Amino acid sequence: ALAEVVEDAAVLTTVGLKGFGVIERSSGKLVPTERAGRSDKIRICYTVAKNKLVNAGEQELYVQVIDPKNNTLGVNEHVQFGEKTLNYSLVSKFNYENANLNICEFVAPSGDGFENGRYTVNVFNEKDLVSTTEFTLQ
């Protein structure tokens, strides 16, 4: 029973998940915006929380960005975990060293640009949902 408790606790979690549109200047500077028509990309930032039970080394989390029409943005590929299938926007790969780690990722628009409306961002550790947030582009 103790081994099962330790295995359940040895999971990466995220805190402070935020998603927002950004304008990318020619200098490379990123300017946050809430306007869908002005957004060049969506920026997703979060912190991977410290967990001593997780092995240090290469880790990955699946990030899913869903637009107002329920389409998955980004690469929109899927991965199978037993019975469950997960559609994801990107795979966030990083070197985890048992300490808090800040991560920011970008998702480009599919087609002509971003739609007006509410966007949902989900972060999965394999098949388990570890964090979710919403934001609006007008």
C-alpha atoms as a PDB file:
ATOM      1  CA  ALA A   1       0.000   0.000   0.000  1.00  0.00           C
ATOM      2  CA  LEU A   2       2.881   2.364   0.807  1.00  0.00           C
ATOM      3  CA  ALA A   3       4.510   1.742  -2.581  1.00  0.00           C
ATOM      4  CA  GLU A   4       1.221   2.655  -4.269  1.00  0.00           C
ATOM      5  CA  VAL A   5       0.978   5.912  -2.267  1.00  0.00           C
ATOM      6  CA  VAL A   6       4.562   6.832  -3.201  1.00  0.00           C
ATOM      7  CA  GLU A   7       3.903   6.052  -6.869  1.00  0.00           C
ATOM      8  CA  ASP A   8       0.779   8.253  -6.862  1.00  0.00           C
ATOM      9  CA  ALA A   9       2.725  11.105  -5.223  1.00  0.00           C
ATOM     10  CA  ALA A  10       5.636  10.851  -7.688  1.00  0.00           C
ATOM     11  CA  VAL A  11       3.882  12.981 -10.306  1.00  0.00           C
ATOM     12  CA  LEU A  12       4.929  16.327 -11.746  1.00  0.00           C
ATOM     13  CA  THR A  13       2.475  19.123 -11.000  1.00  0.00           C
ATOM     14  CA  THR A  14       2.275  22.667 -12.287  1.00  0.00           C
ATOM     15  CA  VAL A  15       1.329  25.944 -10.620  1.00  0.00           C
ATOM     16  CA  GLY A  16       0.707  29.437 -11.925  1.00  0.00           C
ATOM     17  CA  LEU A  17      -0.513  28.395 -15.373  1.00  0.00           C
ATOM     18  CA  LYS A  18      -1.204  31.457 -17.552  1.00  0.00           C
ATOM     19  CA  GLY A  19      -2.088  31.834 -21.187  1.00  0.00           C
ATOM     20  CA  PHE A  20      -2.232  35.052 -23.199  1.00  0.00           C
ATOM     21  CA  GLY A  21      -1.758  36.460 -26.667  1.00  0.00           C
ATOM     22  CA  VAL A  22       1.506  38.193 -27.582  1.00  0.00           C
ATOM     23  CA  ILE A  23       2.617  40.524 -30.355  1.00  0.00           C
ATOM     24  CA  GLU A  24       6.086  39.620 -31.648  1.00  0.00           C
ATOM     25  CA  ARG A  25       8.064  42.729 -32.585  1.00  0.00           C
ATOM     26  CA  SER A  26      10.792  42.618 -35.238  1.00  0.00           C
ATOM     27  CA  SER A  27      13.351  43.137 -32.449  1.00  0.00           C
ATOM     28  CA  GLY A  28      12.161  39.892 -30.856  1.00  0.00           C
ATOM     29  CA  LYS A  29      10.418  41.660 -27.973  1.00  0.00           C
ATOM     30  CA  LEU A  30       7.100  40.144 -26.909  1.00  0.00           C
ATOM     31  CA  VAL A  31       4.210  42.435 -25.979  1.00  0.00           C
ATOM     32  CA  PRO A  32       1.153  40.907 -24.208  1.00  0.00           C
ATOM     33  CA  THR A  33      -2.230  41.679 -25.796  1.00  0.00           C
ATOM     34  CA  GLU A  34      -5.862  40.699 -25.332  1.00  0.00           C
ATOM     35  CA  ARG A  35      -6.798  41.402 -28.951  1.00  0.00           C
ATOM     36  CA  ALA A  36      -7.179  38.339 -31.156  1.00  0.00           C
ATOM     37  CA  GLY A  37      -6.448  40.218 -34.376  1.00  0.00           C
ATOM     38  CA  ARG A  38      -3.150  41.577 -33.045  1.00  0.00           C
ATOM     39  CA  SER A  39      -1.879  38.338 -31.481  1.00  0.00           C
ATOM     40  CA  ASP A  40       0.954  36.653 -33.359  1.00  0.00           C
ATOM     41  CA  LYS A  41       1.211  33.714 -30.937  1.00  0.00           C
ATOM     42  CA  ILE A  42      -0.248  32.406 -27.709  1.00  0.00           C
ATOM     43  CA  ARG A  43       2.212  32.229 -24.840  1.00  0.00           C
ATOM     44  CA  ILE A  44       1.699  29.603 -22.140  1.00  0.00           C
ATOM     45  CA  CYS A  45       3.759  29.960 -18.955  1.00  0.00           C
ATOM     46  CA  TYR A  46       3.763  27.778 -15.844  1.00  0.00           C
ATOM     47  CA  THR A  47       5.989  26.568 -13.047  1.00  0.00           C
ATOM     48  CA  VAL A  48       6.762  22.889 -12.547  1.00  0.00           C
ATOM     49  CA  ALA A  49       6.542  22.399  -8.781  1.00  0.00           C
ATOM     50  CA  LYS A  50       9.364  20.842  -6.783  1.00  0.00           C
ATOM     51  CA  ASN A  51       8.751  17.179  -5.975  1.00  0.00           C
ATOM     52  CA  LYS A  52      11.470  15.056  -4.339  1.00  0.00           C
ATOM     53  CA  LEU A  53       9.697  11.826  -5.333  1.00  0.00           C
ATOM     54  CA  VAL A  54      10.038  12.452  -9.083  1.00  0.00           C
ATOM     55  CA  ASN A  55      13.275  11.231 -10.665  1.00  0.00           C
ATOM     56  CA  ALA A  56      15.531  14.007 -11.958  1.00  0.00           C
ATOM     57  CA  GLY A  57      16.244  14.054 -15.683  1.00  0.00           C
ATOM     58  CA  GLU A  58      14.372  14.486 -18.943  1.00  0.00           C
ATOM     59  CA  GLN A  59      10.644  14.944 -18.380  1.00  0.00           C
ATOM     60  CA  GLU A  60       7.758  15.950 -20.612  1.00  0.00           C
ATOM     61  CA  LEU A  61       4.312  17.465 -20.190  1.00  0.00           C
ATOM     62  CA  TYR A  62       1.619  17.680 -22.856  1.00  0.00           C
ATOM     63  CA  VAL A  63       0.067  21.120 -23.403  1.00  0.00           C
ATOM     64  CA  GLN A  64      -3.351  21.390 -25.012  1.00  0.00           C
ATOM     65  CA  VAL A  65      -4.702  24.762 -26.235  1.00  0.00           C
ATOM     66  CA  ILE A  66      -8.367  24.713 -27.266  1.00  0.00           C
ATOM     67  CA  ASP A  67      -9.821  27.625 -29.246  1.00  0.00           C
ATOM     68  CA  PRO A  68     -13.421  28.960 -28.948  1.00  0.00           C
ATOM     69  CA  LYS A  69     -14.595  26.520 -31.665  1.00  0.00           C
ATOM     70  CA  ASN A  70     -13.256  23.501 -29.701  1.00  0.00           C
ATOM     71  CA  ASN A  71     -10.304  22.948 -32.072  1.00  0.00           C
ATOM     72  CA  THR A  72      -6.902  21.990 -30.706  1.00  0.00           C
ATOM     73  CA  LEU A  73      -4.274  24.504 -31.830  1.00  0.00           C
ATOM     74  CA  GLY A  74      -0.595  23.754 -32.542  1.00  0.00           C
ATOM     75  CA  VAL A  75       0.552  20.416 -33.954  1.00  0.00           C
ATOM     76  CA  ASN A  76      -2.821  18.811 -33.052  1.00  0.00           C
ATOM     77  CA  GLU A  77      -1.386  15.308 -32.797  1.00  0.00           C
ATOM     78  CA  HIS A  78      -2.596  12.606 -30.475  1.00  0.00           C
ATOM     79  CA  VAL A  79      -0.948  10.096 -28.201  1.00  0.00           C
ATOM     80  CA  GLN A  80      -2.423   6.910 -26.756  1.00  0.00           C
ATOM     81  CA  PHE A  81      -2.276   6.032 -23.030  1.00  0.00           C
ATOM     82  CA  GLY A  82      -3.912   2.625 -22.700  1.00  0.00           C
ATOM     83  CA  GLU A  83      -7.629   3.254 -23.331  1.00  0.00           C
ATOM     84  CA  LYS A  84      -7.317   7.053 -23.395  1.00  0.00           C
ATOM     85  CA  THR A  85      -6.298   9.227 -26.350  1.00  0.00           C
ATOM     86  CA  LEU A  86      -5.000  12.755 -25.816  1.00  0.00           C
ATOM     87  CA  ASN A  87      -4.921  15.464 -28.500  1.00  0.00           C
ATOM     88  CA  TYR A  88      -2.170  17.943 -27.717  1.00  0.00           C
ATOM     89  CA  SER A  89      -0.859  21.252 -29.051  1.00  0.00           C
ATOM     90  CA  LEU A  90       2.764  20.720 -28.064  1.00  0.00           C
ATOM     91  CA  VAL A  91       5.030  18.560 -25.950  1.00  0.00           C
ATOM     92  CA  SER A  92       7.006  20.525 -23.389  1.00  0.00           C
ATOM     93  CA  LYS A  93      10.320  18.686 -22.823  1.00  0.00           C
ATOM     94  CA  PHE A  94      12.677  19.845 -20.095  1.00  0.00           C
ATOM     95  CA  ASN A  95      15.459  18.700 -17.784  1.00  0.00           C
ATOM     96  CA  TYR A  96      13.926  18.378 -14.316  1.00  0.00           C
ATOM     97  CA  GLU A  97      16.328  18.730 -11.373  1.00  0.00           C
ATOM     98  CA  ASN A  98      13.959  18.372  -8.371  1.00  0.00           C
ATOM     99  CA  ALA A  99      13.482  22.143  -8.072  1.00  0.00           C
ATOM    100  CA  ASN A 100      10.888  24.674  -9.204  1.00  0.00           C
ATOM    101  CA  LEU A 101      11.259  25.268 -12.934  1.00  0.00           C
ATOM    102  CA  ASN A 102       9.635  28.097 -14.923  1.00  0.00           C
ATOM    103  CA  ILE A 103       8.596  27.157 -18.454  1.00  0.00           C
ATOM    104  CA  CYS A 104       7.111  29.247 -21.279  1.00  0.00           C
ATOM    105  CA  GLU A 105       5.928  27.777 -24.578  1.00  0.00           C
ATOM    106  CA  PHE A 106       4.361  29.289 -27.704  1.00  0.00           C
ATOM    107  CA  VAL A 107       1.524  28.148 -29.951  1.00  0.00           C
ATOM    108  CA  ALA A 108       1.122  29.662 -33.414  1.00  0.00           C
ATOM    109  CA  PRO A 109      -2.310  30.251 -34.970  1.00  0.00           C
ATOM    110  CA  SER A 110      -3.787  27.754 -37.381  1.00  0.00           C
ATOM    111  CA  GLY A 111      -4.910  29.426 -40.594  1.00  0.00           C
ATOM    112  CA  ASP A 112      -5.545  33.177 -40.727  1.00  0.00           C
ATOM    113  CA  GLY A 113      -5.097  34.029 -37.050  1.00  0.00           C
ATOM    114  CA  PHE A 114      -6.808  33.688 -33.718  1.00  0.00           C
ATOM    115  CA  GLU A 115     -10.579  33.771 -33.228  1.00  0.00           C
ATOM    116  CA  ASN A 116     -12.293  36.056 -30.733  1.00  0.00           C
ATOM    117  CA  GLY A 117     -13.465  34.190 -27.650  1.00  0.00           C
ATOM    118  CA  ARG A 118     -12.426  32.035 -24.734  1.00  0.00           C
ATOM    119  CA  TYR A 119      -9.380  29.792 -24.959  1.00  0.00           C
ATOM    120  CA  THR A 120      -8.699  26.876 -22.636  1.00  0.00           C
ATOM    121  CA  VAL A 121      -5.196  25.679 -21.755  1.00  0.00           C
ATOM    122  CA  ASN A 122      -4.711  22.219 -20.210  1.00  0.00           C
ATOM    123  CA  VAL A 123      -1.449  20.657 -19.054  1.00  0.00           C
ATOM    124  CA  PHE A 124      -1.246  16.864 -18.844  1.00  0.00           C
ATOM    125  CA  ASN A 125       1.331  14.595 -17.237  1.00  0.00           C
ATOM    126  CA  GLU A 126       0.783  11.615 -19.531  1.00  0.00           C
ATOM    127  CA  LYS A 127      -2.984  10.972 -19.252  1.00  0.00           C
ATOM    128  CA  ASP A 128      -3.516  12.945 -16.021  1.00  0.00           C
ATOM    129  CA  LEU A 129      -4.727  16.564 -16.117  1.00  0.00           C
ATOM    130  CA  VAL A 130      -2.463  18.519 -13.742  1.00  0.00           C
ATOM    131  CA  SER A 131      -3.433  22.126 -14.509  1.00  0.00           C
ATOM    132  CA  THR A 132      -5.997  24.137 -16.466  1.00  0.00           C
ATOM    133  CA  THR A 133      -6.742  27.804 -17.138  1.00  0.00           C
ATOM    134  CA  GLU A 134      -8.823  29.983 -19.426  1.00  0.00           C
ATOM    135  CA  PHE A 135      -8.266  33.364 -21.044  1.00  0.00           C
ATOM    136  CA  THR A 136     -10.152  35.538 -23.520  1.00  0.00           C
ATOM    137  CA  LEU A 137      -9.022  37.204 -26.731  1.00  0.00           C
ATOM    138  CA  GLN A 138     -11.312  39.939 -28.038  1.00  0.00           C
END
